[in-house]
Amino acid sequence: DYRRDWSNSEEGDRYVNGHSYEGI
């Protein structure tokens, strides 16, 4: 809940992210 609230994102809200951004 803390991560999702401050980031307005569900990506990485469980500490592990695993997504790619700008190809990284």
PDB file of all heavy atoms in Angstrom:
ATOM      1  N   ASP A   1       0.829  -1.209   0.000  1.00  0.00           N
ATOM      2  CA  ASP A   1       0.000   0.000   0.000  1.00  0.00           C
ATOM      3  C   ASP A   1       0.860   1.254   0.000  1.00  0.00           C
ATOM      4  O   ASP A   1       0.537   2.249  -0.663  1.00  0.00           O
ATOM      5  CB  ASP A   1      -0.923   0.002   1.225  1.00  0.00           C
ATOM      6  CG  ASP A   1      -2.034  -1.032   1.128  1.00  0.00           C
ATOM      7  OD1 ASP A   1      -2.244  -1.584   0.025  1.00  0.00           O
ATOM      8  OD2 ASP A   1      -2.683  -1.302   2.161  1.00  0.00           O
ATOM      9  N   TYR A   2       1.952   1.227   0.756  1.00  0.00           N
ATOM     10  CA  TYR A   2       2.838   2.391   0.812  1.00  0.00           C
ATOM     11  C   TYR A   2       3.407   2.699  -0.570  1.00  0.00           C
ATOM     12  O   TYR A   2       3.360   3.838  -1.042  1.00  0.00           O
ATOM     13  CB  TYR A   2       3.976   2.118   1.799  1.00  0.00           C
ATOM     14  CG  TYR A   2       5.016   3.213   1.864  1.00  0.00           C
ATOM     15  CD1 TYR A   2       4.870   4.279   2.739  1.00  0.00           C
ATOM     16  CD2 TYR A   2       6.148   3.178   1.050  1.00  0.00           C
ATOM     17  CE1 TYR A   2       5.826   5.284   2.806  1.00  0.00           C
ATOM     18  CE2 TYR A   2       7.099   4.181   1.101  1.00  0.00           C
ATOM     19  CZ  TYR A   2       6.935   5.229   1.981  1.00  0.00           C
ATOM     20  OH  TYR A   2       7.872   6.227   2.031  1.00  0.00           O
ATOM     21  N   ARG A   3       3.934   1.689  -1.238  1.00  0.00           N
ATOM     22  CA  ARG A   3       4.548   1.912  -2.558  1.00  0.00           C
ATOM     23  C   ARG A   3       3.518   2.362  -3.583  1.00  0.00           C
ATOM     24  O   ARG A   3       3.773   3.258  -4.399  1.00  0.00           O
ATOM     25  CB  ARG A   3       5.244   0.636  -3.029  1.00  0.00           C
ATOM     26  CG  ARG A   3       6.377   0.179  -2.131  1.00  0.00           C
ATOM     27  CD  ARG A   3       7.092  -1.042  -2.711  1.00  0.00           C
ATOM     28  NE  ARG A   3       8.023  -1.580  -1.737  1.00  0.00           N
ATOM     29  CZ  ARG A   3       7.781  -2.645  -0.977  1.00  0.00           C
ATOM     30  NH1 ARG A   3       6.641  -3.305  -1.101  1.00  0.00           N
ATOM     31  NH2 ARG A   3       8.676  -3.066  -0.099  1.00  0.00           N
ATOM     32  N   ARG A   4       2.373   1.725  -3.558  1.00  0.00           N
ATOM     33  CA  ARG A   4       1.341   2.064  -4.541  1.00  0.00           C
ATOM     34  C   ARG A   4       0.845   3.484  -4.329  1.00  0.00           C
ATOM     35  O   ARG A   4       0.577   4.219  -5.292  1.00  0.00           O
ATOM     36  CB  ARG A   4       0.193   1.064  -4.420  1.00  0.00           C
ATOM     37  CG  ARG A   4      -0.850   1.169  -5.527  1.00  0.00           C
ATOM     38  CD  ARG A   4      -1.879   0.064  -5.388  1.00  0.00           C
ATOM     39  NE  ARG A   4      -1.265  -1.250  -5.531  1.00  0.00           N
ATOM     40  CZ  ARG A   4      -1.906  -2.393  -5.278  1.00  0.00           C
ATOM     41  NH1 ARG A   4      -3.165  -2.365  -4.850  1.00  0.00           N
ATOM     42  NH2 ARG A   4      -1.292  -3.556  -5.446  1.00  0.00           N
ATOM     43  N   ASP A   5       0.757   3.908  -3.080  1.00  0.00           N
ATOM     44  CA  ASP A   5       0.231   5.240  -2.775  1.00  0.00           C
ATOM     45  C   ASP A   5       1.170   6.331  -3.256  1.00  0.00           C
ATOM     46  O   ASP A   5       0.739   7.297  -3.901  1.00  0.00           O
ATOM     47  CB  ASP A   5       0.000   5.362  -1.267  1.00  0.00           C
ATOM     48  CG  ASP A   5      -0.539   6.728  -0.879  1.00  0.00           C
ATOM     49  OD1 ASP A   5      -1.650   7.057  -1.336  1.00  0.00           O
ATOM     50  OD2 ASP A   5       0.133   7.457  -0.136  1.00  0.00           O
ATOM     51  N   TRP A   6       2.474   6.202  -2.964  1.00  0.00           N
ATOM     52  CA  TRP A   6       3.358   7.325  -3.317  1.00  0.00           C
ATOM     53  C   TRP A   6       3.743   7.330  -4.783  1.00  0.00           C
ATOM     54  O   TRP A   6       4.110   8.358  -5.342  1.00  0.00           O
ATOM     55  CB  TRP A   6       4.584   7.383  -2.416  1.00  0.00           C
ATOM     56  CG  TRP A   6       5.701   6.413  -2.663  1.00  0.00           C
ATOM     57  CD1 TRP A   6       5.985   5.304  -1.934  1.00  0.00           C
ATOM     58  CD2 TRP A   6       6.735   6.483  -3.654  1.00  0.00           C
ATOM     59  NE1 TRP A   6       7.106   4.677  -2.422  1.00  0.00           N
ATOM     60  CE2 TRP A   6       7.590   5.376  -3.468  1.00  0.00           C
ATOM     61  CE3 TRP A   6       7.023   7.373  -4.684  1.00  0.00           C
ATOM     62  CZ2 TRP A   6       8.695   5.127  -4.276  1.00  0.00           C
ATOM     63  CZ3 TRP A   6       8.133   7.125  -5.497  1.00  0.00           C
ATOM     64  CH2 TRP A   6       8.944   6.016  -5.282  1.00  0.00           C
ATOM     65  N   SER A   7       3.640   6.181  -5.443  1.00  0.00           N
ATOM     66  CA  SER A   7       4.060   6.130  -6.841  1.00  0.00           C
ATOM     67  C   SER A   7       2.907   6.184  -7.828  1.00  0.00           C
ATOM     68  O   SER A   7       3.133   6.374  -9.031  1.00  0.00           O
ATOM     69  CB  SER A   7       4.830   4.833  -7.098  1.00  0.00           C
ATOM     70  OG  SER A   7       3.955   3.710  -7.006  1.00  0.00           O
ATOM     71  N   ASN A   8       1.676   6.021  -7.328  1.00  0.00           N
ATOM     72  CA  ASN A   8       0.524   5.915  -8.220  1.00  0.00           C
ATOM     73  C   ASN A   8       0.740   4.838  -9.274  1.00  0.00           C
ATOM     74  O   ASN A   8       0.384   4.992 -10.443  1.00  0.00           O
ATOM     75  CB  ASN A   8       0.232   7.259  -8.901  1.00  0.00           C
ATOM     76  CG  ASN A   8      -0.187   8.321  -7.912  1.00  0.00           C
ATOM     77  OD1 ASN A   8      -1.060   8.091  -7.078  1.00  0.00           O
ATOM     78  ND2 ASN A   8       0.452   9.477  -7.975  1.00  0.00           N
ATOM     79  N   SER A   9       1.376   3.753  -8.849  1.00  0.00           N
ATOM     80  CA  SER A   9       1.725   2.680  -9.786  1.00  0.00           C
ATOM     81  C   SER A   9       1.669   1.347  -9.060  1.00  0.00           C
ATOM     82  O   SER A   9       2.015   1.256  -7.879  1.00  0.00           O
ATOM     83  CB  SER A   9       3.129   2.902 -10.354  1.00  0.00           C
ATOM     84  OG  SER A   9       3.581   1.761 -11.045  1.00  0.00           O
ATOM     85  N   GLU A  10       1.247   0.311  -9.788  1.00  0.00           N
ATOM     86  CA  GLU A  10       1.288  -1.034  -9.241  1.00  0.00           C
ATOM     87  C   GLU A  10       2.559  -1.761  -9.660  1.00  0.00           C
ATOM     88  O   GLU A  10       2.780  -2.897  -9.257  1.00  0.00           O
ATOM     89  CB  GLU A  10       0.056  -1.831  -9.701  1.00  0.00           C
ATOM     90  CG  GLU A  10      -1.250  -1.273  -9.156  1.00  0.00           C
ATOM     91  CD  GLU A  10      -2.448  -2.119  -9.531  1.00  0.00           C
ATOM     92  OE1 GLU A  10      -2.243  -3.213 -10.092  1.00  0.00           O
ATOM     93  OE2 GLU A  10      -3.581  -1.696  -9.253  1.00  0.00           O
ATOM     94  N   GLU A  11       3.397  -1.109 -10.448  1.00  0.00           N
ATOM     95  CA  GLU A  11       4.642  -1.720 -10.904  1.00  0.00           C
ATOM     96  C   GLU A  11       5.723  -1.507  -9.849  1.00  0.00           C
ATOM     97  O   GLU A  11       6.163  -0.392  -9.611  1.00  0.00           O
ATOM     98  CB  GLU A  11       5.075  -1.129 -12.243  1.00  0.00           C
ATOM     99  CG  GLU A  11       4.079  -1.414 -13.355  1.00  0.00           C
ATOM    100  CD  GLU A  11       4.522  -0.837 -14.690  1.00  0.00           C
ATOM    101  OE1 GLU A  11       5.615  -0.239 -14.748  1.00  0.00           O
ATOM    102  OE2 GLU A  11       3.762  -0.985 -15.657  1.00  0.00           O
ATOM    103  N   GLY A  12       6.131  -2.586  -9.214  1.00  0.00           N
ATOM    104  CA  GLY A  12       7.102  -2.475  -8.145  1.00  0.00           C
ATOM    105  C   GLY A  12       6.476  -2.325  -6.786  1.00  0.00           C
ATOM    106  O   GLY A  12       7.184  -2.112  -5.803  1.00  0.00           O
ATOM    107  N   ASP A  13       5.133  -2.428  -6.688  1.00  0.00           N
ATOM    108  CA  ASP A  13       4.524  -2.252  -5.374  1.00  0.00           C
ATOM    109  C   ASP A  13       4.854  -3.408  -4.443  1.00  0.00           C
ATOM    110  O   ASP A  13       4.653  -3.320  -3.241  1.00  0.00           O
ATOM    111  CB  ASP A  13       3.017  -2.033  -5.474  1.00  0.00           C
ATOM    112  CG  ASP A  13       2.252  -3.196  -6.095  1.00  0.00           C
ATOM    113  OD1 ASP A  13       2.887  -4.229  -6.421  1.00  0.00           O
ATOM    114  OD2 ASP A  13       1.024  -3.070  -6.258  1.00  0.00           O
ATOM    115  N   ARG A  14       5.406  -4.489  -4.988  1.00  0.00           N
ATOM    116  CA  ARG A  14       5.825  -5.621  -4.164  1.00  0.00           C
ATOM    117  C   ARG A  14       7.351  -5.701  -4.062  1.00  0.00           C
ATOM    118  O   ARG A  14       7.911  -6.782  -3.904  1.00  0.00           O
ATOM    119  CB  ARG A  14       5.243  -6.916  -4.716  1.00  0.00           C
ATOM    120  CG  ARG A  14       3.738  -6.939  -4.663  1.00  0.00           C
ATOM    121  CD  ARG A  14       3.164  -8.286  -5.040  1.00  0.00           C
ATOM    122  NE  ARG A  14       1.722  -8.251  -4.927  1.00  0.00           N
ATOM    123  CZ  ARG A  14       1.043  -8.448  -3.796  1.00  0.00           C
ATOM    124  NH1 ARG A  14       1.694  -8.696  -2.675  1.00  0.00           N
ATOM    125  NH2 ARG A  14      -0.270  -8.387  -3.783  1.00  0.00           N
ATOM    126  N   TYR A  15       8.000  -4.562  -4.138  1.00  0.00           N
ATOM    127  CA  TYR A  15       9.456  -4.415  -4.064  1.00  0.00           C
ATOM    128  C   TYR A  15      10.126  -4.900  -5.336  1.00  0.00           C
ATOM    129  O   TYR A  15      10.893  -4.182  -5.956  1.00  0.00           O
ATOM    130  CB  TYR A  15      10.061  -5.109  -2.846  1.00  0.00           C
ATOM    131  CG  TYR A  15      11.534  -4.769  -2.660  1.00  0.00           C
ATOM    132  CD1 TYR A  15      11.901  -3.537  -2.127  1.00  0.00           C
ATOM    133  CD2 TYR A  15      12.536  -5.654  -3.030  1.00  0.00           C
ATOM    134  CE1 TYR A  15      13.233  -3.201  -1.972  1.00  0.00           C
ATOM    135  CE2 TYR A  15      13.864  -5.324  -2.874  1.00  0.00           C
ATOM    136  CZ  TYR A  15      14.212  -4.096  -2.341  1.00  0.00           C
ATOM    137  OH  TYR A  15      15.536  -3.761  -2.195  1.00  0.00           O
ATOM    138  N   VAL A  16       9.847  -6.135  -5.736  1.00  0.00           N
ATOM    139  CA  VAL A  16      10.396  -6.612  -7.001  1.00  0.00           C
ATOM    140  C   VAL A  16       9.615  -5.954  -8.134  1.00  0.00           C
ATOM    141  O   VAL A  16       8.385  -5.970  -8.142  1.00  0.00           O
ATOM    142  CB  VAL A  16      10.288  -8.140  -7.100  1.00  0.00           C
ATOM    143  CG1 VAL A  16      10.741  -8.621  -8.469  1.00  0.00           C
ATOM    144  CG2 VAL A  16      11.112  -8.797  -6.005  1.00  0.00           C
ATOM    145  N   ASN A  17      10.343  -5.371  -9.076  1.00  0.00           N
ATOM    146  CA  ASN A  17       9.699  -4.700 -10.191  1.00  0.00           C
ATOM    147  C   ASN A  17       9.658  -5.628 -11.405  1.00  0.00           C
ATOM    148  O   ASN A  17       8.640  -6.193 -11.736  1.00  0.00           O
ATOM    149  CB  ASN A  17      10.438  -3.390 -10.501  1.00  0.00           C
ATOM    150  CG  ASN A  17       9.735  -2.528 -11.531  1.00  0.00           C
ATOM    151  OD1 ASN A  17       9.278  -3.001 -12.553  1.00  0.00           O
ATOM    152  ND2 ASN A  17       9.648  -1.235 -11.254  1.00  0.00           N
ATOM    153  N   GLY A  18      10.810  -5.779 -12.093  1.00  0.00           N
ATOM    154  CA  GLY A  18      10.883  -6.701 -13.211  1.00  0.00           C
ATOM    155  C   GLY A  18      10.393  -6.160 -14.532  1.00  0.00           C
ATOM    156  O   GLY A  18      10.477  -6.851 -15.559  1.00  0.00           O
ATOM    157  N   HIS A  19       9.892  -4.912 -14.554  1.00  0.00           N
ATOM    158  CA  HIS A  19       9.439  -4.307 -15.800  1.00  0.00           C
ATOM    159  C   HIS A  19      10.602  -3.577 -16.475  1.00  0.00           C
ATOM    160  O   HIS A  19      11.624  -3.295 -15.855  1.00  0.00           O
ATOM    161  CB  HIS A  19       8.290  -3.336 -15.542  1.00  0.00           C
ATOM    162  CG  HIS A  19       7.054  -3.984 -15.033  1.00  0.00           C
ATOM    163  ND1 HIS A  19       6.867  -4.282 -13.693  1.00  0.00           N
ATOM    164  CD2 HIS A  19       5.931  -4.421 -15.666  1.00  0.00           C
ATOM    165  CE1 HIS A  19       5.693  -4.855 -13.523  1.00  0.00           C
ATOM    166  NE2 HIS A  19       5.105  -4.954 -14.710  1.00  0.00           N
ATOM    167  N   SER A  20      10.422  -3.257 -17.745  1.00  0.00           N
ATOM    168  CA  SER A  20      11.431  -2.517 -18.506  1.00  0.00           C
ATOM    169  C   SER A  20      10.908  -1.126 -18.833  1.00  0.00           C
ATOM    170  O   SER A  20       9.727  -0.950 -19.173  1.00  0.00           O
ATOM    171  CB  SER A  20      11.786  -3.254 -19.804  1.00  0.00           C
ATOM    172  OG  SER A  20      12.455  -4.464 -19.520  1.00  0.00           O
ATOM    173  N   TYR A  21      11.806  -0.165 -18.744  1.00  0.00           N
ATOM    174  CA  TYR A  21      11.497   1.224 -19.055  1.00  0.00           C
ATOM    175  C   TYR A  21      12.626   1.755 -19.933  1.00  0.00           C
ATOM    176  O   TYR A  21      13.801   1.521 -19.643  1.00  0.00           O
ATOM    177  CB  TYR A  21      11.388   2.061 -17.779  1.00  0.00           C
ATOM    178  CG  TYR A  21      10.468   1.444 -16.752  1.00  0.00           C
ATOM    179  CD1 TYR A  21      10.966   0.585 -15.765  1.00  0.00           C
ATOM    180  CD2 TYR A  21       9.101   1.686 -16.785  1.00  0.00           C
ATOM    181  CE1 TYR A  21      10.122  -0.001 -14.837  1.00  0.00           C
ATOM    182  CE2 TYR A  21       8.253   1.102 -15.855  1.00  0.00           C
ATOM    183  CZ  TYR A  21       8.772   0.261 -14.886  1.00  0.00           C
ATOM    184  OH  TYR A  21       7.945  -0.328 -13.971  1.00  0.00           O
ATOM    185  N   GLU A  22      12.261   2.460 -20.975  1.00  0.00           N
ATOM    186  CA  GLU A  22      13.265   2.955 -21.933  1.00  0.00           C
ATOM    187  C   GLU A  22      14.150   1.805 -22.419  1.00  0.00           C
ATOM    188  O   GLU A  22      15.330   1.990 -22.710  1.00  0.00           O
ATOM    189  CB  GLU A  22      14.116   4.065 -21.301  1.00  0.00           C
ATOM    190  CG  GLU A  22      13.347   5.186 -20.651  1.00  0.00           C
ATOM    191  CD  GLU A  22      12.509   6.021 -21.618  1.00  0.00           C
ATOM    192  OE1 GLU A  22      12.852   6.039 -22.824  1.00  0.00           O
ATOM    193  OE2 GLU A  22      11.510   6.621 -21.182  1.00  0.00           O
ATOM    194  N   GLY A  23      13.590   0.594 -22.453  1.00  0.00           N
ATOM    195  CA  GLY A  23      14.333  -0.575 -22.931  1.00  0.00           C
ATOM    196  C   GLY A  23      15.256  -1.201 -21.907  1.00  0.00           C
ATOM    197  O   GLY A  23      16.061  -2.058 -22.254  1.00  0.00           O
ATOM    198  N   ILE A  24      15.135  -0.800 -20.631  1.00  0.00           N
ATOM    199  CA  ILE A  24      16.041  -1.282 -19.591  1.00  0.00           C
ATOM    200  C   ILE A  24      15.221  -1.875 -18.450  1.00  0.00           C
ATOM    201  O   ILE A  24      14.273  -1.247 -17.958  1.00  0.00           O
ATOM    202  CB  ILE A  24      16.932  -0.143 -19.059  1.00  0.00           C
ATOM    203  CG1 ILE A  24      17.788   0.421 -20.194  1.00  0.00           C
ATOM    204  CG2 ILE A  24      17.815  -0.621 -17.909  1.00  0.00           C
ATOM    205  CD1 ILE A  24      18.523   1.676 -19.818  1.00  0.00           C
TER     206      ILE A  24
END
